Amino acid sequence: MNKYIFNENKIVIASHNKGKVKEIKNLLKPLKIEVFSANDFNLKEPIENGLTFEENSLIKSSYVCDYTGIPSLSDDSGICFSDLNNEPGIYSARWAGKDKNFDLGMFKIYESLKKVKKPTYDCFFVCALSLSWPNGSSITVSGKINGKFSWPPKGNLGFGYDPIFKPFGHNKTFAEMDPEFKHSISHRALAFKQLVTLCFPKLEN
């Protein structure tokens, strides 16, 4: 039997980002379990000093799980630009400043790309998901979706850097797409599909 199969009746989403929490809650809804977020426990954010999305994701899930004693699912995600040596990458939230002003972050990306000679505007979103249990077990998976930078920002249906990202094969930004459709193709959805196979077989069709 797969030791990672999730048989608990509670889970904590180890995030303070309301957009991420909403997306992950929707993905978990068919499980019919009690879902909390880090905000429910007034938790401070841990220091994310990992060098990859996967390392930072595990830092968050382990931290929240240790504090709450409840299995915790974390997400570390960001946008990467080939023209900027894959920045902002794991620092995507930090580019938005202390107040997480993603309008500021998007403009910073725009200004950085203006300095690049013959930019390709190629970019991709990455999402790493980590699930940690109180017994010390954990698992981490990741998903990636490629696309192009789009300026000016368009749409108000997403969050973060969604308004400047057009996935390949689509003529709308993530922020212009119907949320349910976006959830079905996003980097987070791709990572979650892997997690479902390993941990949540009840969610598989």
C-alpha atoms as a PDB file:
ATOM      1  CA  MET A   1       0.000   0.000   0.000  1.00  0.00           C
ATOM      2  CA  ASN A   2       1.241   3.477  -0.857  1.00  0.00           C
ATOM      3  CA  LYS A   3       2.489   4.983   2.414  1.00  0.00           C
ATOM      4  CA  TYR A   4       1.588   8.477   1.197  1.00  0.00           C
ATOM      5  CA  ILE A   5      -2.147   7.847   0.767  1.00  0.00           C
ATOM      6  CA  PHE A   6      -4.021  10.525   2.704  1.00  0.00           C
ATOM      7  CA  ASN A   7      -6.554   9.071   5.151  1.00  0.00           C
ATOM      8  CA  GLU A   8      -6.948  12.040   7.505  1.00  0.00           C
ATOM      9  CA  ASN A   9     -10.089  14.083   8.194  1.00  0.00           C
ATOM     10  CA  LYS A  10      -8.311  17.446   8.441  1.00  0.00           C
ATOM     11  CA  ILE A  11      -5.692  19.335   6.486  1.00  0.00           C
ATOM     12  CA  VAL A  12      -4.091  22.773   6.752  1.00  0.00           C
ATOM     13  CA  ILE A  13      -3.182  24.771   3.675  1.00  0.00           C
ATOM     14  CA  ALA A  14       0.132  26.274   4.711  1.00  0.00           C
ATOM     15  CA  SER A  15      -0.350  29.637   3.047  1.00  0.00           C
ATOM     16  CA  HIS A  16      -1.467  33.182   3.838  1.00  0.00           C
ATOM     17  CA  ASN A  17      -2.123  33.947   0.169  1.00  0.00           C
ATOM     18  CA  LYS A  18      -5.915  34.115  -0.187  1.00  0.00           C
ATOM     19  CA  GLY A  19      -5.762  33.371  -3.914  1.00  0.00           C
ATOM     20  CA  LYS A  20      -3.707  30.223  -3.413  1.00  0.00           C
ATOM     21  CA  VAL A  21      -5.851  29.092  -0.487  1.00  0.00           C
ATOM     22  CA  LYS A  22      -9.010  29.491  -2.555  1.00  0.00           C
ATOM     23  CA  GLU A  23      -7.613  27.516  -5.498  1.00  0.00           C
ATOM     24  CA  ILE A  24      -6.324  24.686  -3.312  1.00  0.00           C
ATOM     25  CA  LYS A  25      -9.573  24.534  -1.304  1.00  0.00           C
ATOM     26  CA  ASN A  26     -11.482  24.108  -4.546  1.00  0.00           C
ATOM     27  CA  LEU A  27      -9.148  21.301  -5.598  1.00  0.00           C
ATOM     28  CA  LEU A  28      -9.646  19.550  -2.237  1.00  0.00           C
ATOM     29  CA  LYS A  29     -13.419  20.047  -2.087  1.00  0.00           C
ATOM     30  CA  PRO A  30     -14.334  16.537  -3.349  1.00  0.00           C
ATOM     31  CA  LEU A  31     -12.523  15.006  -0.340  1.00  0.00           C
ATOM     32  CA  LYS A  32     -15.174  16.421   2.007  1.00  0.00           C
ATOM     33  CA  ILE A  33     -12.671  16.949   4.810  1.00  0.00           C
ATOM     34  CA  GLU A  34     -12.135  19.905   7.126  1.00  0.00           C
ATOM     35  CA  VAL A  35      -9.776  22.368   5.457  1.00  0.00           C
ATOM     36  CA  PHE A  36      -7.952  25.102   7.360  1.00  0.00           C
ATOM     37  CA  SER A  37      -5.386  27.686   6.310  1.00  0.00           C
ATOM     38  CA  ALA A  38      -2.377  29.151   8.124  1.00  0.00           C
ATOM     39  CA  ASN A  39      -4.477  32.255   8.769  1.00  0.00           C
ATOM     40  CA  ASP A  40      -6.815  30.219  10.996  1.00  0.00           C
ATOM     41  CA  PHE A  41      -3.932  29.682  13.427  1.00  0.00           C
ATOM     42  CA  ASN A  42      -2.491  33.224  13.277  1.00  0.00           C
ATOM     43  CA  LEU A  43       0.807  31.740  12.151  1.00  0.00           C
ATOM     44  CA  LYS A  44       3.688  33.900  11.047  1.00  0.00           C
ATOM     45  CA  GLU A  45       5.306  32.986   7.766  1.00  0.00           C
ATOM     46  CA  PRO A  46       8.481  30.905   8.165  1.00  0.00           C
ATOM     47  CA  ILE A  47      11.797  32.080   6.740  1.00  0.00           C
ATOM     48  CA  GLU A  48      11.974  30.708   3.216  1.00  0.00           C
ATOM     49  CA  ASN A  49      15.703  30.235   2.727  1.00  0.00           C
ATOM     50  CA  GLY A  50      15.552  27.346   0.289  1.00  0.00           C
ATOM     51  CA  LEU A  51      17.218  27.547  -3.106  1.00  0.00           C
ATOM     52  CA  THR A  52      14.351  25.966  -5.056  1.00  0.00           C
ATOM     53  CA  PHE A  53      10.560  26.034  -5.123  1.00  0.00           C
ATOM     54  CA  GLU A  54      10.578  22.485  -3.765  1.00  0.00           C
ATOM     55  CA  GLU A  55      12.782  23.363  -0.789  1.00  0.00           C
ATOM     56  CA  ASN A  56      10.692  26.410   0.140  1.00  0.00           C
ATOM     57  CA  SER A  57       7.466  24.456  -0.203  1.00  0.00           C
ATOM     58  CA  LEU A  58       8.725  21.802   2.203  1.00  0.00           C
ATOM     59  CA  ILE A  59       9.884  24.456   4.676  1.00  0.00           C
ATOM     60  CA  LYS A  60       6.339  25.825   4.815  1.00  0.00           C
ATOM     61  CA  SER A  61       4.457  22.535   5.069  1.00  0.00           C
ATOM     62  CA  SER A  62       6.811  21.185   7.767  1.00  0.00           C
ATOM     63  CA  TYR A  63       6.602  24.406   9.771  1.00  0.00           C
ATOM     64  CA  VAL A  64       2.796  24.532   9.780  1.00  0.00           C
ATOM     65  CA  CYS A  65       2.469  20.797  10.428  1.00  0.00           C
ATOM     66  CA  ASP A  66       4.850  20.967  13.409  1.00  0.00           C
ATOM     67  CA  TYR A  67       2.901  23.886  14.875  1.00  0.00           C
ATOM     68  CA  THR A  68      -0.639  22.567  14.339  1.00  0.00           C
ATOM     69  CA  GLY A  69      -0.142  18.820  14.603  1.00  0.00           C
ATOM     70  CA  ILE A  70      -2.321  18.510  11.484  1.00  0.00           C
ATOM     71  CA  PRO A  71      -1.165  17.321   8.039  1.00  0.00           C
ATOM     72  CA  SER A  72      -0.229  20.418   6.065  1.00  0.00           C
ATOM     73  CA  LEU A  73      -0.171  21.136   2.354  1.00  0.00           C
ATOM     74  CA  SER A  74       1.962  23.991   1.088  1.00  0.00           C
ATOM     75  CA  ASP A  75       2.498  25.668  -2.242  1.00  0.00           C
ATOM     76  CA  ASP A  76       5.560  27.541  -3.413  1.00  0.00           C
ATOM     77  CA  SER A  77       5.162  29.012  -6.851  1.00  0.00           C
ATOM     78  CA  GLY A  78       6.395  31.797  -9.049  1.00  0.00           C
ATOM     79  CA  ILE A  79       7.052  33.057 -12.521  1.00  0.00           C
ATOM     80  CA  CYS A  80      10.373  32.757 -14.346  1.00  0.00           C
ATOM     81  CA  PHE A  81      11.614  34.655 -17.413  1.00  0.00           C
ATOM     82  CA  SER A  82      14.290  33.212 -19.674  1.00  0.00           C
ATOM     83  CA  ASP A  83      15.349  36.768 -20.604  1.00  0.00           C
ATOM     84  CA  LEU A  84      16.020  37.494 -16.908  1.00  0.00           C
ATOM     85  CA  ASN A  85      17.981  34.321 -16.089  1.00  0.00           C
ATOM     86  CA  ASN A  86      14.753  32.784 -14.799  1.00  0.00           C
ATOM     87  CA  GLU A  87      14.088  35.609 -12.349  1.00  0.00           C
ATOM     88  CA  PRO A  88      12.089  36.463 -10.326  1.00  0.00           C
ATOM     89  CA  GLY A  89      11.648  32.718  -9.744  1.00  0.00           C
ATOM     90  CA  ILE A  90      11.601  31.824  -6.057  1.00  0.00           C
ATOM     91  CA  TYR A  91      11.670  35.557  -5.297  1.00  0.00           C
ATOM     92  CA  SER A  92       8.437  36.278  -7.191  1.00  0.00           C
ATOM     93  CA  ALA A  93       6.555  37.362  -4.062  1.00  0.00           C
ATOM     94  CA  ARG A  94       9.482  39.490  -2.910  1.00  0.00           C
ATOM     95  CA  TRP A  95       9.515  41.373  -6.203  1.00  0.00           C
ATOM     96  CA  ALA A  96       6.008  42.497  -5.205  1.00  0.00           C
ATOM     97  CA  GLY A  97       7.395  44.150  -2.066  1.00  0.00           C
ATOM     98  CA  LYS A  98       6.517  43.840   1.610  1.00  0.00           C
ATOM     99  CA  ASP A  99       2.863  44.624   0.908  1.00  0.00           C
ATOM    100  CA  LYS A 100       2.686  41.946  -1.826  1.00  0.00           C
ATOM    101  CA  ASN A 101       1.733  44.588  -4.390  1.00  0.00           C
ATOM    102  CA  PHE A 102       1.827  42.525  -7.566  1.00  0.00           C
ATOM    103  CA  ASP A 103       1.122  45.586  -9.693  1.00  0.00           C
ATOM    104  CA  LEU A 104       4.535  46.741  -8.512  1.00  0.00           C
ATOM    105  CA  GLY A 105       6.022  43.325  -9.214  1.00  0.00           C
ATOM    106  CA  MET A 106       4.606  43.224 -12.741  1.00  0.00           C
ATOM    107  CA  PHE A 107       5.936  46.696 -13.486  1.00  0.00           C
ATOM    108  CA  LYS A 108       9.356  45.686 -12.173  1.00  0.00           C
ATOM    109  CA  ILE A 109       9.364  42.760 -14.611  1.00  0.00           C
ATOM    110  CA  TYR A 110       8.302  45.061 -17.441  1.00  0.00           C
ATOM    111  CA  GLU A 111      11.099  47.530 -16.647  1.00  0.00           C
ATOM    112  CA  SER A 112      13.646  44.709 -16.435  1.00  0.00           C
ATOM    113  CA  LEU A 113      12.611  43.268 -19.793  1.00  0.00           C
ATOM    114  CA  LYS A 114      12.931  46.694 -21.433  1.00  0.00           C
ATOM    115  CA  LYS A 115      16.656  46.539 -20.725  1.00  0.00           C
ATOM    116  CA  VAL A 116      17.089  43.222 -22.548  1.00  0.00           C
ATOM    117  CA  LYS A 117      18.262  43.249 -26.165  1.00  0.00           C
ATOM    118  CA  LYS A 118      16.003  41.202 -28.437  1.00  0.00           C
ATOM    119  CA  PRO A 119      13.943  39.594 -25.674  1.00  0.00           C
ATOM    120  CA  THR A 120      12.028  36.396 -26.394  1.00  0.00           C
ATOM    121  CA  TYR A 121       9.448  37.121 -23.667  1.00  0.00           C
ATOM    122  CA  ASP A 122       9.396  33.381 -22.915  1.00  0.00           C
ATOM    123  CA  CYS A 123       8.356  32.610 -19.379  1.00  0.00           C
ATOM    124  CA  PHE A 124       6.906  29.860 -17.256  1.00  0.00           C
ATOM    125  CA  PHE A 125       5.065  29.365 -14.007  1.00  0.00           C
ATOM    126  CA  VAL A 126       6.270  26.734 -11.540  1.00  0.00           C
ATOM    127  CA  CYS A 127       4.356  25.294  -8.606  1.00  0.00           C
ATOM    128  CA  ALA A 128       5.798  22.961  -5.962  1.00  0.00           C
ATOM    129  CA  LEU A 129       3.382  21.286  -3.566  1.00  0.00           C
ATOM    130  CA  SER A 130       4.531  19.661  -0.335  1.00  0.00           C
ATOM    131  CA  LEU A 131       2.433  17.570   2.011  1.00  0.00           C
ATOM    132  CA  SER A 132       3.773  16.956   5.524  1.00  0.00           C
ATOM    133  CA  TRP A 133       2.436  14.635   8.234  1.00  0.00           C
ATOM    134  CA  PRO A 134       2.931  14.915  12.025  1.00  0.00           C
ATOM    135  CA  ASN A 135       4.993  11.691  12.001  1.00  0.00           C
ATOM    136  CA  GLY A 136       7.691  13.444   9.958  1.00  0.00           C
ATOM    137  CA  SER A 137       6.767  12.013   6.560  1.00  0.00           C
ATOM    138  CA  SER A 138       6.525  14.364   3.603  1.00  0.00           C
ATOM    139  CA  ILE A 139       6.223  14.358  -0.153  1.00  0.00           C
ATOM    140  CA  THR A 140       6.863  17.078  -2.736  1.00  0.00           C
ATOM    141  CA  VAL A 141       5.756  17.318  -6.375  1.00  0.00           C
ATOM    142  CA  SER A 142       5.953  20.103  -8.939  1.00  0.00           C
ATOM    143  CA  GLY A 143       4.259  21.339 -12.107  1.00  0.00           C
ATOM    144  CA  LYS A 144       5.261  23.786 -14.827  1.00  0.00           C
ATOM    145  CA  ILE A 145       3.458  25.626 -17.624  1.00  0.00           C
ATOM    146  CA  ASN A 146       5.159  27.612 -20.389  1.00  0.00           C
ATOM    147  CA  GLY A 147       3.944  30.799 -21.984  1.00  0.00           C
ATOM    148  CA  LYS A 148       4.683  34.356 -23.033  1.00  0.00           C
ATOM    149  CA  PHE A 149       4.874  37.691 -21.271  1.00  0.00           C
ATOM    150  CA  SER A 150       1.873  39.893 -22.072  1.00  0.00           C
ATOM    151  CA  TRP A 151       1.800  43.657 -21.579  1.00  0.00           C
ATOM    152  CA  PRO A 152      -0.118  45.601 -20.399  1.00  0.00           C
ATOM    153  CA  PRO A 153      -1.647  43.418 -17.665  1.00  0.00           C
ATOM    154  CA  LYS A 154      -5.084  42.130 -18.606  1.00  0.00           C
ATOM    155  CA  GLY A 155      -7.887  40.555 -16.599  1.00  0.00           C
ATOM    156  CA  ASN A 156      -9.034  40.594 -13.000  1.00  0.00           C
ATOM    157  CA  LEU A 157     -10.037  36.977 -12.465  1.00  0.00           C
ATOM    158  CA  GLY A 158      -6.690  35.726 -11.224  1.00  0.00           C
ATOM    159  CA  PHE A 159      -4.087  36.833  -8.721  1.00  0.00           C
ATOM    160  CA  GLY A 160      -0.361  37.468  -8.517  1.00  0.00           C
ATOM    161  CA  TYR A 161       1.301  37.603 -11.938  1.00  0.00           C
ATOM    162  CA  ASP A 162      -1.675  36.057 -13.775  1.00  0.00           C
ATOM    163  CA  PRO A 163      -2.459  39.287 -15.725  1.00  0.00           C
ATOM    164  CA  ILE A 164       0.873  39.205 -17.609  1.00  0.00           C
ATOM    165  CA  PHE A 165       1.048  35.491 -18.442  1.00  0.00           C
ATOM    166  CA  LYS A 166      -0.404  33.890 -21.578  1.00  0.00           C
ATOM    167  CA  PRO A 167       0.059  30.126 -21.642  1.00  0.00           C
ATOM    168  CA  PHE A 168       1.099  28.669 -24.993  1.00  0.00           C
ATOM    169  CA  GLY A 169      -1.886  27.733 -27.138  1.00  0.00           C
ATOM    170  CA  HIS A 170      -4.161  30.366 -25.594  1.00  0.00           C
ATOM    171  CA  ASN A 171      -4.894  33.991 -26.464  1.00  0.00           C
ATOM    172  CA  LYS A 172      -5.946  35.040 -22.963  1.00  0.00           C
ATOM    173  CA  THR A 173      -3.919  35.714 -19.849  1.00  0.00           C
ATOM    174  CA  PHE A 174      -4.512  33.576 -16.781  1.00  0.00           C
ATOM    175  CA  ALA A 175      -6.361  36.544 -15.272  1.00  0.00           C
ATOM    176  CA  GLU A 176      -8.773  36.693 -18.229  1.00  0.00           C
ATOM    177  CA  MET A 177      -9.666  33.007 -18.101  1.00  0.00           C
ATOM    178  CA  ASP A 178     -12.619  31.476 -16.338  1.00  0.00           C
ATOM    179  CA  PRO A 179     -11.124  30.375 -12.985  1.00  0.00           C
ATOM    180  CA  GLU A 180     -12.319  26.782 -13.354  1.00  0.00           C
ATOM    181  CA  PHE A 181     -10.682  26.514 -16.761  1.00  0.00           C
ATOM    182  CA  LYS A 182      -7.466  28.076 -15.493  1.00  0.00           C
ATOM    183  CA  HIS A 183      -7.432  25.630 -12.565  1.00  0.00           C
ATOM    184  CA  SER A 184      -7.634  22.752 -15.051  1.00  0.00           C
ATOM    185  CA  ILE A 185      -4.489  23.729 -17.005  1.00  0.00           C
ATOM    186  CA  SER A 186      -2.327  25.685 -14.553  1.00  0.00           C
ATOM    187  CA  HIS A 187       1.036  24.792 -13.046  1.00  0.00           C
ATOM    188  CA  ARG A 188      -0.807  24.246  -9.759  1.00  0.00           C
ATOM    189  CA  ALA A 189      -3.258  21.852 -11.415  1.00  0.00           C
ATOM    190  CA  LEU A 190      -0.391  19.897 -13.007  1.00  0.00           C
ATOM    191  CA  ALA A 191       1.357  19.566  -9.652  1.00  0.00           C
ATOM    192  CA  PHE A 192      -1.900  18.657  -7.930  1.00  0.00           C
ATOM    193  CA  LYS A 193      -2.583  15.867 -10.434  1.00  0.00           C
ATOM    194  CA  GLN A 194       0.675  14.248  -9.396  1.00  0.00           C
ATOM    195  CA  LEU A 195      -0.216  14.653  -5.732  1.00  0.00           C
ATOM    196  CA  VAL A 196      -3.642  13.127  -6.340  1.00  0.00           C
ATOM    197  CA  THR A 197      -2.087  10.027  -7.903  1.00  0.00           C
ATOM    198  CA  LEU A 198       0.238   9.568  -4.942  1.00  0.00           C
ATOM    199  CA  CYS A 199      -1.892  10.732  -2.007  1.00  0.00           C
ATOM    200  CA  PHE A 200      -5.532  11.324  -2.931  1.00  0.00           C
ATOM    201  CA  PRO A 201      -6.722   8.427  -5.125  1.00  0.00           C
ATOM    202  CA  LYS A 202     -10.308   9.240  -4.098  1.00  0.00           C
ATOM    203  CA  LEU A 203     -10.061  12.377  -6.246  1.00  0.00           C
ATOM    204  CA  GLU A 204      -9.053  10.534  -9.406  1.00  0.00           C
ATOM    205  CA  ASN A 205     -11.682  10.112 -12.086  1.00  0.00           C
END
